[in-house]
N, C-alpha and C. Protein backbone atom coordinates (compact mmCIF):
# COMPACT_ATOMS: atom_id res chain seq x y z
N VAL A 1 -33.28 40.30 124.59
CA VAL A 1 -34.07 39.88 123.45
C VAL A 1 -34.88 41.08 122.98
N GLY A 2 -34.80 41.35 121.70
CA GLY A 2 -35.62 42.40 121.12
C GLY A 2 -36.95 41.82 120.66
N ILE A 3 -38.04 42.41 121.12
CA ILE A 3 -39.37 42.02 120.66
C ILE A 3 -39.89 43.19 119.82
N LEU A 4 -40.07 42.93 118.55
CA LEU A 4 -40.48 43.98 117.63
C LEU A 4 -41.84 43.66 117.04
N MET A 5 -42.60 44.71 116.78
CA MET A 5 -43.88 44.54 116.10
C MET A 5 -44.03 45.67 115.10
N GLY A 6 -44.71 45.39 114.01
CA GLY A 6 -44.83 46.35 112.94
C GLY A 6 -45.80 47.49 113.18
N SER A 7 -46.69 47.33 114.16
CA SER A 7 -47.71 48.33 114.41
C SER A 7 -48.10 48.32 115.88
N PRO A 8 -48.51 49.46 116.43
CA PRO A 8 -49.00 49.47 117.81
C PRO A 8 -50.21 48.55 118.01
N ASN A 9 -50.97 48.33 116.93
CA ASN A 9 -52.12 47.44 117.01
C ASN A 9 -51.74 45.99 117.28
N ASP A 10 -50.47 45.65 117.11
CA ASP A 10 -50.00 44.28 117.31
C ASP A 10 -49.67 43.96 118.76
N TYR A 11 -49.70 44.97 119.62
CA TYR A 11 -49.26 44.78 121.00
C TYR A 11 -50.02 43.66 121.72
N ASN A 12 -51.34 43.62 121.57
CA ASN A 12 -52.12 42.59 122.27
C ASN A 12 -51.73 41.17 121.88
N LYS A 13 -51.20 41.00 120.68
CA LYS A 13 -50.77 39.68 120.24
C LYS A 13 -49.32 39.39 120.61
N MET A 14 -48.54 40.42 120.91
CA MET A 14 -47.11 40.24 121.19
C MET A 14 -46.76 40.36 122.67
N LYS A 15 -47.67 40.90 123.48
CA LYS A 15 -47.36 41.12 124.89
C LYS A 15 -47.08 39.82 125.64
N ASP A 16 -47.64 38.69 125.19
CA ASP A 16 -47.39 37.42 125.85
C ASP A 16 -45.92 36.99 125.73
N ALA A 17 -45.27 37.37 124.64
CA ALA A 17 -43.84 37.06 124.50
C ALA A 17 -43.05 37.80 125.58
N LYS A 18 -43.38 39.06 125.80
CA LYS A 18 -42.70 39.84 126.84
C LYS A 18 -42.95 39.22 128.21
N TYR A 19 -44.20 38.86 128.48
CA TYR A 19 -44.54 38.25 129.76
C TYR A 19 -43.75 36.95 129.97
N MET A 20 -43.69 36.10 128.95
CA MET A 20 -42.96 34.83 129.07
C MET A 20 -41.48 35.07 129.37
N LEU A 21 -40.88 36.02 128.71
CA LEU A 21 -39.47 36.31 128.94
C LEU A 21 -39.27 36.97 130.31
N ASP A 22 -40.14 37.91 130.66
CA ASP A 22 -40.04 38.58 131.97
C ASP A 22 -40.11 37.57 133.10
N THR A 23 -41.06 36.64 133.03
CA THR A 23 -41.25 35.69 134.13
C THR A 23 -40.18 34.61 134.17
N ARG A 24 -39.35 34.54 133.15
CA ARG A 24 -38.22 33.61 133.16
C ARG A 24 -36.91 34.34 133.43
N GLY A 25 -37.00 35.63 133.71
CA GLY A 25 -35.82 36.40 134.04
C GLY A 25 -34.94 36.73 132.86
N ILE A 26 -35.52 36.79 131.67
CA ILE A 26 -34.76 37.09 130.46
C ILE A 26 -35.00 38.54 130.08
N GLU A 27 -33.94 39.31 130.09
CA GLU A 27 -34.03 40.73 129.76
C GLU A 27 -34.53 40.91 128.34
N ASN A 28 -35.47 41.83 128.15
CA ASN A 28 -36.03 42.06 126.83
C ASN A 28 -36.49 43.50 126.69
N GLU A 29 -36.71 43.87 125.45
CA GLU A 29 -37.18 45.21 125.12
C GLU A 29 -38.21 45.08 124.02
N ILE A 30 -39.38 45.69 124.21
CA ILE A 30 -40.44 45.61 123.21
C ILE A 30 -40.60 46.98 122.56
N GLN A 31 -40.70 46.99 121.23
CA GLN A 31 -40.87 48.26 120.53
C GLN A 31 -41.56 48.06 119.19
N VAL A 32 -42.14 49.15 118.70
CA VAL A 32 -42.80 49.16 117.40
C VAL A 32 -41.82 49.70 116.37
N LEU A 33 -41.55 48.88 115.36
CA LEU A 33 -40.73 49.29 114.22
C LEU A 33 -41.29 48.63 112.97
N SER A 34 -41.65 49.40 112.01
CA SER A 34 -42.22 48.87 110.78
C SER A 34 -41.14 48.72 109.72
N ALA A 35 -41.10 47.54 109.11
CA ALA A 35 -40.14 47.30 108.03
C ALA A 35 -40.38 48.22 106.85
N HIS A 36 -41.63 48.66 106.67
CA HIS A 36 -41.97 49.50 105.52
C HIS A 36 -41.96 50.99 105.85
N ARG A 37 -42.40 51.35 107.04
CA ARG A 37 -42.49 52.77 107.40
C ARG A 37 -41.21 53.30 108.04
N GLN A 38 -40.39 52.39 108.60
CA GLN A 38 -39.15 52.79 109.28
C GLN A 38 -37.98 51.88 108.88
N PRO A 39 -37.73 51.71 107.60
CA PRO A 39 -36.70 50.75 107.18
C PRO A 39 -35.30 51.09 107.68
N GLU A 40 -34.97 52.37 107.76
CA GLU A 40 -33.63 52.75 108.23
C GLU A 40 -33.44 52.39 109.70
N GLU A 41 -34.48 52.63 110.50
CA GLU A 41 -34.40 52.32 111.93
C GLU A 41 -34.29 50.82 112.17
N VAL A 42 -35.05 50.04 111.40
CA VAL A 42 -34.99 48.58 111.52
C VAL A 42 -33.59 48.10 111.16
N ALA A 43 -33.04 48.61 110.06
CA ALA A 43 -31.71 48.21 109.62
C ALA A 43 -30.64 48.59 110.65
N GLU A 44 -30.73 49.79 111.20
CA GLU A 44 -29.74 50.24 112.18
C GLU A 44 -29.80 49.40 113.45
N LEU A 45 -30.99 49.16 113.96
CA LEU A 45 -31.13 48.33 115.16
C LEU A 45 -30.57 46.94 114.90
N SER A 46 -30.89 46.36 113.77
CA SER A 46 -30.45 45.00 113.44
C SER A 46 -28.95 44.92 113.26
N ARG A 47 -28.39 45.86 112.51
CA ARG A 47 -26.95 45.86 112.25
C ARG A 47 -26.12 45.99 113.51
N ASN A 48 -26.60 46.77 114.46
CA ASN A 48 -25.85 47.03 115.70
C ASN A 48 -26.32 46.18 116.87
N SER A 49 -27.13 45.20 116.61
CA SER A 49 -27.78 44.45 117.69
C SER A 49 -26.79 43.71 118.59
N ARG A 50 -25.84 43.03 118.03
CA ARG A 50 -24.88 42.27 118.84
C ARG A 50 -24.07 43.21 119.73
N GLU A 51 -23.60 44.31 119.17
CA GLU A 51 -22.84 45.29 119.94
C GLU A 51 -23.68 45.92 121.05
N ASN A 52 -24.99 45.99 120.85
CA ASN A 52 -25.90 46.58 121.83
C ASN A 52 -26.48 45.57 122.82
N GLY A 53 -25.93 44.35 122.81
CA GLY A 53 -26.28 43.37 123.83
C GLY A 53 -27.46 42.46 123.53
N TYR A 54 -28.01 42.51 122.35
CA TYR A 54 -29.10 41.60 122.01
C TYR A 54 -28.55 40.20 121.75
N VAL A 55 -29.38 39.18 122.02
CA VAL A 55 -28.99 37.80 121.72
C VAL A 55 -29.95 37.16 120.71
N ALA A 56 -31.12 37.75 120.52
CA ALA A 56 -32.11 37.22 119.58
C ALA A 56 -33.22 38.25 119.39
N PHE A 57 -34.03 38.02 118.36
CA PHE A 57 -35.19 38.87 118.09
C PHE A 57 -36.44 38.02 117.91
N ILE A 58 -37.55 38.57 118.38
CA ILE A 58 -38.87 38.03 118.10
C ILE A 58 -39.59 39.15 117.34
N CYS A 59 -40.05 38.84 116.13
CA CYS A 59 -40.66 39.87 115.28
C CYS A 59 -42.06 39.46 114.88
N GLY A 60 -43.03 40.27 115.29
CA GLY A 60 -44.42 40.02 114.93
C GLY A 60 -44.90 41.01 113.90
N ALA A 61 -45.49 40.49 112.83
CA ALA A 61 -46.02 41.37 111.78
C ALA A 61 -47.13 40.65 111.04
N GLY A 62 -48.05 41.43 110.52
CA GLY A 62 -49.15 40.87 109.75
C GLY A 62 -49.04 41.25 108.29
N MET A 63 -49.97 40.74 107.52
CA MET A 63 -50.11 41.00 106.09
C MET A 63 -48.82 40.66 105.34
N ALA A 64 -48.10 41.63 104.80
CA ALA A 64 -46.87 41.34 104.04
C ALA A 64 -45.77 40.79 104.95
N ALA A 65 -45.82 41.12 106.23
CA ALA A 65 -44.97 40.54 107.27
C ALA A 65 -43.48 40.50 106.92
N HIS A 66 -42.93 41.61 106.53
CA HIS A 66 -41.51 41.66 106.16
C HIS A 66 -40.57 41.93 107.32
N LEU A 67 -41.08 42.21 108.50
CA LEU A 67 -40.24 42.64 109.61
C LEU A 67 -39.17 41.60 109.98
N ALA A 68 -39.55 40.35 110.17
CA ALA A 68 -38.59 39.33 110.57
C ALA A 68 -37.49 39.16 109.51
N GLY A 69 -37.86 39.16 108.26
CA GLY A 69 -36.87 39.04 107.19
C GLY A 69 -35.97 40.25 107.10
N ALA A 70 -36.52 41.42 107.30
CA ALA A 70 -35.72 42.65 107.27
C ALA A 70 -34.70 42.65 108.40
N VAL A 71 -35.09 42.16 109.57
CA VAL A 71 -34.15 42.07 110.70
C VAL A 71 -33.09 41.01 110.40
N SER A 72 -33.53 39.83 109.97
CA SER A 72 -32.59 38.74 109.71
C SER A 72 -31.56 39.10 108.63
N ALA A 73 -31.96 39.92 107.67
CA ALA A 73 -31.05 40.32 106.60
C ALA A 73 -29.88 41.15 107.11
N GLN A 74 -30.04 41.76 108.31
CA GLN A 74 -29.03 42.68 108.82
C GLN A 74 -28.25 42.15 110.03
N THR A 75 -28.57 40.93 110.52
CA THR A 75 -27.89 40.40 111.70
C THR A 75 -27.70 38.90 111.56
N THR A 76 -26.74 38.36 112.30
CA THR A 76 -26.57 36.91 112.35
C THR A 76 -27.14 36.33 113.64
N LEU A 77 -27.85 37.15 114.42
CA LEU A 77 -28.52 36.65 115.61
C LEU A 77 -29.79 35.89 115.21
N PRO A 78 -30.26 34.98 116.06
CA PRO A 78 -31.50 34.26 115.74
C PRO A 78 -32.69 35.20 115.68
N VAL A 79 -33.56 34.96 114.71
CA VAL A 79 -34.78 35.73 114.54
C VAL A 79 -35.95 34.75 114.48
N VAL A 80 -36.94 34.99 115.33
CA VAL A 80 -38.16 34.18 115.32
C VAL A 80 -39.30 35.07 114.87
N GLY A 81 -39.98 34.66 113.81
CA GLY A 81 -41.09 35.43 113.28
C GLY A 81 -42.42 34.93 113.82
N VAL A 82 -43.28 35.88 114.15
CA VAL A 82 -44.64 35.57 114.59
C VAL A 82 -45.59 36.18 113.55
N PRO A 83 -46.15 35.36 112.67
CA PRO A 83 -47.13 35.89 111.73
C PRO A 83 -48.39 36.28 112.49
N LEU A 84 -48.92 37.45 112.19
CA LEU A 84 -50.07 37.95 112.94
C LEU A 84 -51.33 38.01 112.08
N SER A 85 -52.45 37.69 112.70
CA SER A 85 -53.74 37.76 112.02
C SER A 85 -54.19 39.22 111.96
N GLY A 86 -55.26 39.45 111.26
CA GLY A 86 -55.80 40.80 111.18
C GLY A 86 -56.15 41.21 109.76
N SER A 87 -55.67 40.47 108.80
CA SER A 87 -55.98 40.78 107.40
C SER A 87 -57.22 40.00 106.97
N VAL A 88 -57.67 40.24 105.77
CA VAL A 88 -58.80 39.48 105.24
C VAL A 88 -58.45 38.00 105.08
N LEU A 89 -57.17 37.68 105.05
CA LEU A 89 -56.72 36.28 104.95
C LEU A 89 -56.46 35.67 106.33
N ASN A 90 -56.79 36.41 107.38
CA ASN A 90 -56.72 35.92 108.77
C ASN A 90 -55.32 35.43 109.17
N GLY A 91 -54.30 36.04 108.62
CA GLY A 91 -52.94 35.70 109.00
C GLY A 91 -52.23 34.72 108.09
N MET A 92 -52.95 34.11 107.17
CA MET A 92 -52.29 33.17 106.25
C MET A 92 -51.28 33.89 105.36
N ASP A 93 -51.58 35.11 104.95
CA ASP A 93 -50.63 35.89 104.16
C ASP A 93 -49.35 36.14 104.97
N ALA A 94 -49.51 36.49 106.23
CA ALA A 94 -48.35 36.74 107.10
C ALA A 94 -47.56 35.47 107.35
N LEU A 95 -48.25 34.34 107.49
CA LEU A 95 -47.57 33.06 107.69
C LEU A 95 -46.70 32.74 106.48
N TYR A 96 -47.28 32.83 105.30
CA TYR A 96 -46.49 32.54 104.09
C TYR A 96 -45.32 33.51 103.93
N ALA A 97 -45.55 34.79 104.19
CA ALA A 97 -44.48 35.78 104.04
C ALA A 97 -43.36 35.53 105.04
N THR A 98 -43.70 35.12 106.25
CA THR A 98 -42.69 34.92 107.29
C THR A 98 -41.90 33.64 107.06
N VAL A 99 -42.57 32.60 106.65
CA VAL A 99 -41.90 31.30 106.52
C VAL A 99 -41.10 31.18 105.21
N GLN A 100 -41.41 31.97 104.21
CA GLN A 100 -40.77 31.85 102.90
C GLN A 100 -39.57 32.76 102.73
N MET A 101 -38.63 32.68 103.65
CA MET A 101 -37.41 33.49 103.52
C MET A 101 -36.46 32.84 102.51
N PRO A 102 -35.70 33.65 101.80
CA PRO A 102 -34.76 33.08 100.84
C PRO A 102 -33.61 32.37 101.55
N LYS A 103 -33.00 31.44 100.86
CA LYS A 103 -31.86 30.72 101.42
C LYS A 103 -30.80 31.72 101.87
N GLY A 104 -30.24 31.48 103.05
CA GLY A 104 -29.21 32.34 103.59
C GLY A 104 -29.72 33.41 104.54
N ILE A 105 -31.03 33.61 104.60
CA ILE A 105 -31.64 34.59 105.51
C ILE A 105 -32.70 33.85 106.33
N PRO A 106 -32.26 33.07 107.34
CA PRO A 106 -33.22 32.24 108.07
C PRO A 106 -34.08 33.02 109.05
N VAL A 107 -35.32 32.61 109.15
CA VAL A 107 -36.26 33.10 110.16
C VAL A 107 -37.02 31.88 110.67
N ALA A 108 -36.87 31.58 111.94
CA ALA A 108 -37.70 30.53 112.54
C ALA A 108 -39.11 31.10 112.62
N THR A 109 -40.11 30.28 112.37
CA THR A 109 -41.48 30.77 112.32
C THR A 109 -42.38 29.92 113.20
N VAL A 110 -43.21 30.58 113.99
CA VAL A 110 -44.18 29.88 114.84
C VAL A 110 -45.58 30.07 114.25
N ALA A 111 -46.57 29.49 114.89
CA ALA A 111 -47.95 29.57 114.40
C ALA A 111 -48.48 31.00 114.47
N ILE A 112 -49.51 31.25 113.73
CA ILE A 112 -50.15 32.57 113.69
C ILE A 112 -50.54 33.00 115.11
N ASP A 113 -50.13 34.21 115.47
CA ASP A 113 -50.43 34.85 116.76
C ASP A 113 -49.80 34.14 117.97
N ASN A 114 -48.85 33.25 117.77
CA ASN A 114 -48.30 32.46 118.88
C ASN A 114 -46.99 33.04 119.40
N SER A 115 -47.07 34.23 119.99
CA SER A 115 -45.86 34.85 120.52
C SER A 115 -45.33 34.10 121.76
N ILE A 116 -46.18 33.33 122.41
CA ILE A 116 -45.72 32.52 123.55
C ILE A 116 -44.67 31.52 123.09
N ASN A 117 -44.97 30.78 122.02
CA ASN A 117 -43.99 29.81 121.53
C ASN A 117 -42.73 30.49 121.00
N ALA A 118 -42.87 31.67 120.45
CA ALA A 118 -41.68 32.40 120.00
C ALA A 118 -40.77 32.70 121.18
N ALA A 119 -41.35 33.15 122.29
CA ALA A 119 -40.56 33.45 123.48
C ALA A 119 -39.93 32.18 124.06
N LEU A 120 -40.70 31.10 124.08
CA LEU A 120 -40.15 29.84 124.61
C LEU A 120 -39.02 29.32 123.71
N LEU A 121 -39.16 29.48 122.41
CA LEU A 121 -38.10 29.05 121.49
C LEU A 121 -36.82 29.84 121.73
N VAL A 122 -36.94 31.15 121.91
CA VAL A 122 -35.77 31.97 122.21
C VAL A 122 -35.18 31.58 123.56
N ALA A 123 -36.04 31.32 124.55
CA ALA A 123 -35.56 30.88 125.87
C ALA A 123 -34.79 29.57 125.74
N GLU A 124 -35.28 28.66 124.90
CA GLU A 124 -34.55 27.40 124.67
C GLU A 124 -33.18 27.66 124.07
N MET A 125 -33.09 28.60 123.15
CA MET A 125 -31.78 28.94 122.57
C MET A 125 -30.84 29.46 123.65
N ILE A 126 -31.35 30.33 124.49
CA ILE A 126 -30.54 30.90 125.57
C ILE A 126 -30.14 29.82 126.57
N SER A 127 -31.02 28.84 126.78
CA SER A 127 -30.75 27.79 127.76
C SER A 127 -29.60 26.87 127.36
N ILE A 128 -29.15 26.95 126.13
CA ILE A 128 -28.01 26.14 125.70
C ILE A 128 -26.80 26.43 126.57
N THR A 129 -26.65 27.69 126.97
CA THR A 129 -25.50 28.08 127.80
C THR A 129 -25.89 28.61 129.16
N ASP A 130 -27.19 28.68 129.46
CA ASP A 130 -27.65 29.25 130.74
C ASP A 130 -28.48 28.19 131.47
N THR A 131 -27.89 27.55 132.48
CA THR A 131 -28.57 26.47 133.19
C THR A 131 -29.75 26.98 134.03
N THR A 132 -29.73 28.23 134.45
CA THR A 132 -30.86 28.78 135.19
C THR A 132 -32.11 28.80 134.31
N ILE A 133 -31.96 29.26 133.08
CA ILE A 133 -33.08 29.28 132.14
C ILE A 133 -33.48 27.85 131.80
N GLN A 134 -32.51 26.97 131.64
CA GLN A 134 -32.80 25.57 131.36
C GLN A 134 -33.71 24.97 132.43
N LYS A 135 -33.41 25.21 133.69
CA LYS A 135 -34.22 24.67 134.79
C LYS A 135 -35.63 25.26 134.78
N LYS A 136 -35.75 26.54 134.48
CA LYS A 136 -37.07 27.16 134.41
C LYS A 136 -37.90 26.55 133.28
N LEU A 137 -37.27 26.26 132.15
CA LEU A 137 -37.98 25.64 131.04
C LEU A 137 -38.40 24.22 131.38
N GLU A 138 -37.55 23.49 132.09
CA GLU A 138 -37.91 22.13 132.51
C GLU A 138 -39.12 22.15 133.43
N THR A 139 -39.22 23.15 134.30
CA THR A 139 -40.38 23.29 135.18
C THR A 139 -41.65 23.55 134.38
N ILE A 140 -41.56 24.41 133.37
CA ILE A 140 -42.71 24.70 132.51
C ILE A 140 -43.18 23.42 131.82
N ARG A 141 -42.24 22.66 131.26
CA ARG A 141 -42.61 21.43 130.56
C ARG A 141 -43.27 20.43 131.50
N LYS A 142 -42.75 20.33 132.70
CA LYS A 142 -43.32 19.41 133.69
C LYS A 142 -44.76 19.81 134.01
N LYS A 143 -44.99 21.09 134.23
CA LYS A 143 -46.35 21.56 134.53
C LYS A 143 -47.29 21.31 133.36
N THR A 144 -46.81 21.51 132.15
CA THR A 144 -47.63 21.27 130.96
C THR A 144 -48.01 19.79 130.87
N ARG A 145 -47.04 18.90 131.08
CA ARG A 145 -47.33 17.46 131.04
C ARG A 145 -48.33 17.07 132.12
N GLU A 146 -48.12 17.58 133.33
CA GLU A 146 -49.01 17.24 134.44
C GLU A 146 -50.43 17.70 134.17
N GLN A 147 -50.55 18.85 133.57
CA GLN A 147 -51.87 19.39 133.24
C GLN A 147 -52.65 18.41 132.37
N TYR A 148 -51.98 17.78 131.43
CA TYR A 148 -52.65 16.85 130.54
C TYR A 148 -52.72 15.45 131.12
N ASN A 149 -51.73 15.06 131.90
CA ASN A 149 -51.76 13.74 132.53
C ASN A 149 -52.85 13.64 133.58
N ASP A 150 -53.21 14.73 134.22
CA ASP A 150 -54.22 14.74 135.27
C ASP A 150 -55.64 14.83 134.74
N PHE A 151 -55.78 15.02 133.44
CA PHE A 151 -57.11 15.18 132.85
C PHE A 151 -57.89 13.88 132.95
N GLN A 152 -59.12 13.97 133.41
CA GLN A 152 -60.01 12.82 133.51
C GLN A 152 -61.19 13.02 132.56
N MET A 153 -61.47 12.03 131.76
CA MET A 153 -62.61 12.11 130.87
C MET A 153 -63.90 12.07 131.68
N PRO A 154 -64.86 12.90 131.33
CA PRO A 154 -66.14 12.85 132.05
C PRO A 154 -66.81 11.50 131.82
N LYS A 155 -67.46 11.00 132.83
CA LYS A 155 -68.16 9.71 132.70
C LYS A 155 -69.47 9.93 131.94
N SER A 156 -69.72 9.07 131.00
CA SER A 156 -70.96 9.19 130.23
C SER A 156 -72.12 8.64 131.05
N GLU A 157 -73.26 9.20 130.83
CA GLU A 157 -74.43 8.77 131.60
C GLU A 157 -75.25 7.75 130.89
């Protein structure tokens, strides 16, 4: 899985995607590539992605947030966009830019700064054919449910 971000400043918001994939045993590579500052490199990576062993991309970008769309335009692999906060619009601009892809160039989009869900979504895609990943995801869901099922409301005085 390729994890891309438009700026080194985005690392703190994207590192959780790497952690989620690492702890589920999913090979990944994280790198900085800007759709605007490095368009040729983004296009080359995307065009050759299948031949280079990628199965999906997670792309985090803020403001104009063109990275996920630029990747999706060059590959038929799944692309999940993570709109990132940091602008005066607090990520709403990135959310709109990421979710508003033209017909024929799909980008799945998660909530602002939610690289964890992006990684889990990619893991779910991989689990379609990988039962080991499927079992790991089922364990995560079980723990999440138990966390909320075990919650006790404080008694009022």
